[in-house]
């Protein structure tokens, strides 16, 4: 079966980079969230946001590059570092 490329090489690079940018932003906010609330709420919130972004990703892919970029930014992968 033939592969169909949806995004250019440059756009693929942005899609990989936005995950790292999202992790940097989340690392700045996660500590403040733990100070304001407890660790369990923060874990639940970040996991829910990441899960919703993951579920929405196929729908975003139908709508173009920018929605996919935003969804990838919300796929927080740093949540495993929170110690409850």
C-alpha atoms as a PDB file:
ATOM      1  CA  UNK A   1       0.000   0.000   0.000  1.00  0.00           C
ATOM      2  CA  UNK A   2       1.318   3.426  -0.925  1.00  0.00           C
ATOM      3  CA  UNK A   3       1.976   5.962   1.825  1.00  0.00           C
ATOM      4  CA  UNK A   4       0.412   9.389   1.473  1.00  0.00           C
ATOM      5  CA  UNK A   5       2.357  12.248   3.021  1.00  0.00           C
ATOM      6  CA  UNK A   6       0.053  14.827   4.597  1.00  0.00           C
ATOM      7  CA  UNK A   7       2.718  17.217   5.851  1.00  0.00           C
ATOM      8  CA  UNK A   8       5.970  18.500   4.408  1.00  0.00           C
ATOM      9  CA  UNK A   9       9.350  17.756   5.966  1.00  0.00           C
ATOM     10  CA  UNK A  10       9.438  21.193   7.590  1.00  0.00           C
ATOM     11  CA  UNK A  11       5.950  20.723   9.067  1.00  0.00           C
ATOM     12  CA  UNK A  12       6.970  17.326  10.445  1.00  0.00           C
ATOM     13  CA  UNK A  13       9.915  19.020  12.139  1.00  0.00           C
ATOM     14  CA  UNK A  14       7.549  21.527  13.743  1.00  0.00           C
ATOM     15  CA  UNK A  15       5.312  18.685  14.931  1.00  0.00           C
ATOM     16  CA  UNK A  16       8.258  17.037  16.695  1.00  0.00           C
ATOM     17  CA  UNK A  17       9.476  20.337  18.138  1.00  0.00           C
ATOM     18  CA  UNK A  18       6.116  21.421  19.545  1.00  0.00           C
ATOM     19  CA  UNK A  19       6.110  18.415  21.880  1.00  0.00           C
ATOM     20  CA  UNK A  20       9.375  19.614  23.428  1.00  0.00           C
ATOM     21  CA  UNK A  21       8.025  23.169  23.665  1.00  0.00           C
ATOM     22  CA  UNK A  22       4.882  21.833  25.352  1.00  0.00           C
ATOM     23  CA  UNK A  23       7.027  19.956  27.853  1.00  0.00           C
ATOM     24  CA  UNK A  24       9.023  23.083  28.650  1.00  0.00           C
ATOM     25  CA  UNK A  25       5.869  25.111  29.184  1.00  0.00           C
ATOM     26  CA  UNK A  26       4.279  22.385  31.276  1.00  0.00           C
ATOM     27  CA  UNK A  27       7.369  22.084  33.453  1.00  0.00           C
ATOM     28  CA  UNK A  28       7.006  25.763  34.312  1.00  0.00           C
ATOM     29  CA  UNK A  29       3.323  25.417  35.139  1.00  0.00           C
ATOM     30  CA  UNK A  30       3.198  22.008  36.815  1.00  0.00           C
ATOM     31  CA  UNK A  31       5.128  23.088  39.899  1.00  0.00           C
ATOM     32  CA  UNK A  32       2.886  26.114  40.379  1.00  0.00           C
ATOM     33  CA  UNK A  33      -0.168  23.869  39.980  1.00  0.00           C
ATOM     34  CA  UNK A  34       1.130  21.500  42.661  1.00  0.00           C
ATOM     35  CA  UNK A  35       1.696  24.453  45.001  1.00  0.00           C
ATOM     36  CA  UNK A  36      -1.841  25.752  44.414  1.00  0.00           C
ATOM     37  CA  UNK A  37      -3.560  22.363  44.497  1.00  0.00           C
ATOM     38  CA  UNK A  38      -2.441  18.870  45.371  1.00  0.00           C
ATOM     39  CA  UNK A  39      -0.445  16.446  43.245  1.00  0.00           C
ATOM     40  CA  UNK A  40      -3.357  14.162  42.485  1.00  0.00           C
ATOM     41  CA  UNK A  41      -5.466  16.949  41.014  1.00  0.00           C
ATOM     42  CA  UNK A  42      -2.532  18.153  38.934  1.00  0.00           C
ATOM     43  CA  UNK A  43      -1.846  14.632  37.692  1.00  0.00           C
ATOM     44  CA  UNK A  44      -5.523  14.173  36.802  1.00  0.00           C
ATOM     45  CA  UNK A  45      -5.696  17.526  35.029  1.00  0.00           C
ATOM     46  CA  UNK A  46      -2.545  17.041  32.953  1.00  0.00           C
ATOM     47  CA  UNK A  47      -3.474  13.463  32.079  1.00  0.00           C
ATOM     48  CA  UNK A  48      -6.988  14.519  31.031  1.00  0.00           C
ATOM     49  CA  UNK A  49      -5.658  17.341  28.850  1.00  0.00           C
ATOM     50  CA  UNK A  50      -3.155  14.995  27.196  1.00  0.00           C
ATOM     51  CA  UNK A  51      -5.806  12.329  26.679  1.00  0.00           C
ATOM     52  CA  UNK A  52      -8.279  14.732  25.098  1.00  0.00           C
ATOM     53  CA  UNK A  53      -5.556  16.083  22.818  1.00  0.00           C
ATOM     54  CA  UNK A  54      -4.650  12.539  21.781  1.00  0.00           C
ATOM     55  CA  UNK A  55      -8.279  11.667  21.071  1.00  0.00           C
ATOM     56  CA  UNK A  56      -8.761  14.843  19.025  1.00  0.00           C
ATOM     57  CA  UNK A  57      -5.617  14.350  16.939  1.00  0.00           C
ATOM     58  CA  UNK A  58      -7.262  12.334  14.103  1.00  0.00           C
ATOM     59  CA  UNK A  59     -10.002  14.952  13.765  1.00  0.00           C
ATOM     60  CA  UNK A  60      -7.393  17.706  13.761  1.00  0.00           C
ATOM     61  CA  UNK A  61      -5.460  15.959  10.987  1.00  0.00           C
ATOM     62  CA  UNK A  62      -8.483  16.331   8.706  1.00  0.00           C
ATOM     63  CA  UNK A  63      -8.510  20.095   9.320  1.00  0.00           C
ATOM     64  CA  UNK A  64      -4.901  20.908   8.495  1.00  0.00           C
ATOM     65  CA  UNK A  65      -1.532  21.587  10.016  1.00  0.00           C
ATOM     66  CA  UNK A  66      -2.336  24.237  12.656  1.00  0.00           C
ATOM     67  CA  UNK A  67      -4.950  22.159  14.541  1.00  0.00           C
ATOM     68  CA  UNK A  68      -2.519  19.207  14.597  1.00  0.00           C
ATOM     69  CA  UNK A  69       0.249  21.480  15.877  1.00  0.00           C
ATOM     70  CA  UNK A  70      -1.970  22.740  18.708  1.00  0.00           C
ATOM     71  CA  UNK A  71      -3.105  19.223  19.638  1.00  0.00           C
ATOM     72  CA  UNK A  72       0.501  17.985  19.685  1.00  0.00           C
ATOM     73  CA  UNK A  73       1.428  20.869  21.980  1.00  0.00           C
ATOM     74  CA  UNK A  74      -1.137  19.689  24.515  1.00  0.00           C
ATOM     75  CA  UNK A  75       0.070  16.093  24.484  1.00  0.00           C
ATOM     76  CA  UNK A  76       2.027  16.547  27.681  1.00  0.00           C
ATOM     77  CA  UNK A  77       4.584  13.787  28.115  1.00  0.00           C
ATOM     78  CA  UNK A  78       6.276  15.071  31.247  1.00  0.00           C
ATOM     79  CA  UNK A  79       3.554  14.117  33.703  1.00  0.00           C
ATOM     80  CA  UNK A  80       5.352  10.910  34.719  1.00  0.00           C
ATOM     81  CA  UNK A  81       7.865  13.006  36.664  1.00  0.00           C
ATOM     82  CA  UNK A  82       5.308  14.166  39.224  1.00  0.00           C
ATOM     83  CA  UNK A  83       5.739  12.374  42.522  1.00  0.00           C
ATOM     84  CA  UNK A  84       2.510  12.149  44.473  1.00  0.00           C
END
